Amino acid sequence: MDPLVLIGRLLLATFLGGVLGVEREARNQAAGLRTHTLVALGACCFTLASVYTEVVQGGPGTVPGTQADVGRIASQVVVGIGFLGAGVIMRHGGSVKGLTTAANLWVTAAVGLTCGLGLYVAAGATVALALLSLVVLRPVARKLTPHPRRHSGRTDENGKDGAPANGEDSRPE
């Protein structure tokens, strides 16, 4: 494969992962722009390694499909991202925080995988739909929920949720 195509796939995964990370960064979440960018880039790189393992390992007389299981690396990315997502989920009293960020990291890994496979339209559509659910559906979820603090853990004096109060930062040092 042309090296420029490989670099293009990596750049697209990095950019699209960053797009998803910007929304989390704007909400001052622990996993923000850099985390999402790195997840998408890493997932894309693993996917490229998976897809092209046979090309690298294959030699003259090698039967296609006998050297590597392309799906194996992709499935391990999906499993591995669960550990990263679990790191952003925290329990505060009777509520759980970080589920949306964990889900967003999972989607970001999928975006990286699809970029690595060259499925650019699927990657772009996934980012658009993820942003739709993160931004557009947020007020809808607030209206449907009887508990005003459910979606962010913090509310201001008007009952609206947002960034942590009193100068607190959700990110550890």
Protein backbone atom coordinates (compact mmCIF):
# COMPACT_ATOMS: atom_id res chain seq x y z
CA MET A 1 0.00 0.00 0.00
CA ASP A 2 1.11 3.51 -0.78
CA PRO A 3 2.71 5.14 2.30
CA LEU A 4 0.71 8.33 1.67
CA VAL A 5 -2.54 6.34 1.95
CA LEU A 6 -1.38 4.87 5.28
CA ILE A 7 -0.43 8.32 6.58
CA GLY A 8 -3.75 9.72 5.32
CA ARG A 9 -5.69 7.06 7.23
CA LEU A 10 -3.73 7.81 10.40
CA LEU A 11 -4.28 11.56 9.99
CA LEU A 12 -8.01 11.13 9.39
CA ALA A 13 -8.39 8.89 12.46
CA THR A 14 -6.47 11.41 14.55
CA PHE A 15 -8.60 14.31 13.31
CA LEU A 16 -11.94 12.52 13.76
CA GLY A 17 -10.96 11.26 17.22
CA GLY A 18 -10.07 14.84 18.09
CA VAL A 19 -13.48 16.05 16.91
CA LEU A 20 -15.12 13.70 19.41
CA GLY A 21 -12.64 14.70 22.10
CA VAL A 22 -13.37 18.42 21.72
CA GLU A 23 -16.91 17.94 23.05
CA ARG A 24 -15.63 16.07 26.13
CA GLU A 25 -12.86 18.65 26.59
CA ALA A 26 -15.42 21.47 26.49
CA ARG A 27 -17.29 19.72 29.33
CA ASN A 28 -14.04 19.44 31.32
CA GLN A 29 -14.11 15.64 31.37
CA ALA A 30 -11.13 13.53 32.40
CA ALA A 31 -10.82 11.97 28.95
CA GLY A 32 -10.77 14.92 26.57
CA LEU A 33 -9.16 15.99 23.33
CA ARG A 34 -5.78 14.29 23.72
CA THR A 35 -7.21 11.03 25.04
CA HIS A 36 -9.74 10.70 22.23
CA THR A 37 -7.15 11.65 19.62
CA LEU A 38 -4.74 9.00 20.89
CA VAL A 39 -7.44 6.32 21.10
CA ALA A 40 -8.46 6.85 17.47
CA LEU A 41 -4.85 7.01 16.28
CA GLY A 42 -3.90 3.85 18.20
CA ALA A 43 -6.95 1.95 16.99
CA CYS A 44 -6.19 2.96 13.41
CA CYS A 45 -2.56 1.92 13.75
CA PHE A 46 -3.54 -1.46 15.21
CA THR A 47 -6.02 -1.92 12.37
CA LEU A 48 -3.43 -1.10 9.73
CA ALA A 49 -1.04 -3.53 11.36
CA SER A 50 -3.77 -6.16 11.37
CA VAL A 51 -4.84 -5.60 7.77
CA TYR A 52 -1.31 -5.56 6.40
CA THR A 53 0.20 -8.34 8.56
CA GLU A 54 -0.25 -10.81 5.74
CA VAL A 55 1.46 -8.50 3.27
CA VAL A 56 4.45 -8.14 5.59
CA GLN A 57 4.64 -11.84 6.55
CA GLY A 58 3.69 -13.28 3.18
CA GLY A 59 6.30 -14.51 0.81
CA PRO A 60 6.35 -16.32 -2.48
CA GLY A 61 4.01 -19.31 -2.45
CA THR A 62 2.09 -18.17 0.66
CA VAL A 63 -1.59 -19.01 0.48
CA PRO A 64 -3.69 -15.87 1.25
CA GLY A 65 -5.55 -16.12 4.55
CA THR A 66 -3.18 -18.59 6.16
CA GLN A 67 -0.71 -16.20 7.82
CA ALA A 68 -2.90 -13.88 9.91
CA ASP A 69 -6.35 -13.50 11.40
CA VAL A 70 -7.25 -9.92 10.55
CA GLY A 71 -10.12 -9.77 13.04
CA ARG A 72 -8.00 -10.77 16.00
CA ILE A 73 -6.29 -7.40 16.54
CA ALA A 74 -9.55 -5.48 16.00
CA SER A 75 -11.32 -7.59 18.61
CA GLN A 76 -8.52 -6.98 21.10
CA VAL A 77 -8.81 -3.21 20.53
CA VAL A 78 -12.49 -3.45 21.45
CA VAL A 79 -11.67 -5.41 24.62
CA GLY A 80 -8.72 -3.21 25.55
CA ILE A 81 -10.66 0.03 25.22
CA GLY A 82 -12.99 -1.28 27.92
CA PHE A 83 -10.17 -0.97 30.44
CA LEU A 84 -9.50 2.63 29.44
CA GLY A 85 -13.22 3.41 29.59
CA ALA A 86 -13.48 1.81 33.02
CA GLY A 87 -10.85 4.25 34.23
CA VAL A 88 -13.12 7.24 33.61
CA ILE A 89 -16.19 5.73 35.28
CA MET A 90 -16.50 6.75 38.91
CA ARG A 91 -19.10 6.24 41.59
CA HIS A 92 -20.09 9.24 43.68
CA GLY A 93 -22.50 8.25 46.43
CA GLY A 94 -25.56 6.82 44.74
CA SER A 95 -24.69 8.02 41.23
CA VAL A 96 -22.25 6.94 38.55
CA LYS A 97 -20.23 9.45 36.50
CA GLY A 98 -18.21 9.03 33.33
CA LEU A 99 -20.42 6.59 31.43
CA THR A 100 -20.86 8.93 28.46
CA THR A 101 -17.12 9.59 28.25
CA ALA A 102 -16.42 5.85 28.42
CA ALA A 103 -18.94 5.22 25.63
CA ASN A 104 -17.40 8.04 23.62
CA LEU A 105 -13.95 6.45 23.97
CA TRP A 106 -15.41 3.17 22.73
CA VAL A 107 -16.90 4.93 19.67
CA THR A 108 -13.59 6.74 19.12
CA ALA A 109 -11.81 3.38 18.94
CA ALA A 110 -14.36 2.25 16.35
CA VAL A 111 -13.66 5.39 14.32
CA GLY A 112 -9.96 4.58 14.40
CA LEU A 113 -10.64 1.00 13.28
CA THR A 114 -12.83 2.13 10.39
CA CYS A 115 -10.22 4.67 9.26
CA GLY A 116 -7.61 1.93 9.33
CA LEU A 117 -9.82 -0.21 7.12
CA GLY A 118 -10.33 2.69 4.71
CA LEU A 119 -14.05 3.04 5.46
CA TYR A 120 -13.96 6.85 5.46
CA VAL A 121 -17.67 7.44 4.97
CA ALA A 122 -18.51 5.13 7.88
CA ALA A 123 -15.94 6.90 10.08
CA GLY A 124 -17.29 10.35 9.22
CA ALA A 125 -20.92 9.28 9.68
CA THR A 126 -20.05 7.70 13.04
CA VAL A 127 -18.46 10.95 14.25
CA ALA A 128 -21.49 12.96 13.05
CA LEU A 129 -23.94 10.65 14.80
CA ALA A 130 -21.84 10.55 17.97
CA LEU A 131 -21.74 14.35 18.08
CA LEU A 132 -25.49 14.41 17.49
CA SER A 133 -26.02 12.21 20.51
CA LEU A 134 -23.52 14.09 22.67
CA VAL A 135 -24.65 17.62 21.85
CA VAL A 136 -28.17 17.58 20.44
CA LEU A 137 -29.60 14.83 22.63
CA ARG A 138 -28.16 16.29 25.86
CA PRO A 139 -31.05 18.74 26.43
CA VAL A 140 -33.57 16.05 25.45
CA ALA A 141 -32.10 13.67 28.04
CA ARG A 142 -32.25 16.42 30.67
CA LYS A 143 -35.94 17.00 29.99
CA LEU A 144 -36.74 13.29 30.15
CA THR A 145 -34.90 12.75 33.42
CA PRO A 146 -36.67 13.49 36.70
CA HIS A 147 -33.31 13.87 38.49
CA PRO A 148 -31.69 17.19 37.52
CA ARG A 149 -28.16 16.12 38.55
CA ARG A 150 -28.15 12.81 36.66
CA HIS A 151 -26.39 13.93 33.48
CA SER A 152 -23.42 15.84 34.86
CA GLY A 153 -23.28 15.46 38.59
CA ARG A 154 -23.19 19.23 39.06
CA THR A 155 -25.81 21.92 38.65
CA ASP A 156 -25.52 25.68 38.84
CA GLU A 157 -27.85 28.02 40.69
CA ASN A 158 -30.38 27.75 37.83
CA GLY A 159 -30.45 23.94 37.90
CA LYS A 160 -28.36 23.65 34.70
CA ASP A 161 -25.52 21.21 34.58
CA GLY A 162 -22.01 22.02 33.47
CA ALA A 163 -18.38 22.00 34.50
CA PRO A 164 -17.34 21.15 38.05
CA ALA A 165 -17.99 23.91 40.57
CA ASN A 166 -15.68 25.81 42.94
CA GLY A 167 -12.68 25.59 40.63
CA GLU A 168 -12.66 21.78 40.82
CA ASP A 169 -11.27 19.94 37.84
CA SER A 170 -12.48 16.49 36.83
CA ARG A 171 -8.99 15.71 35.53
CA PRO A 172 -6.39 14.34 37.92
CA GLU A 173 -2.99 16.05 37.96
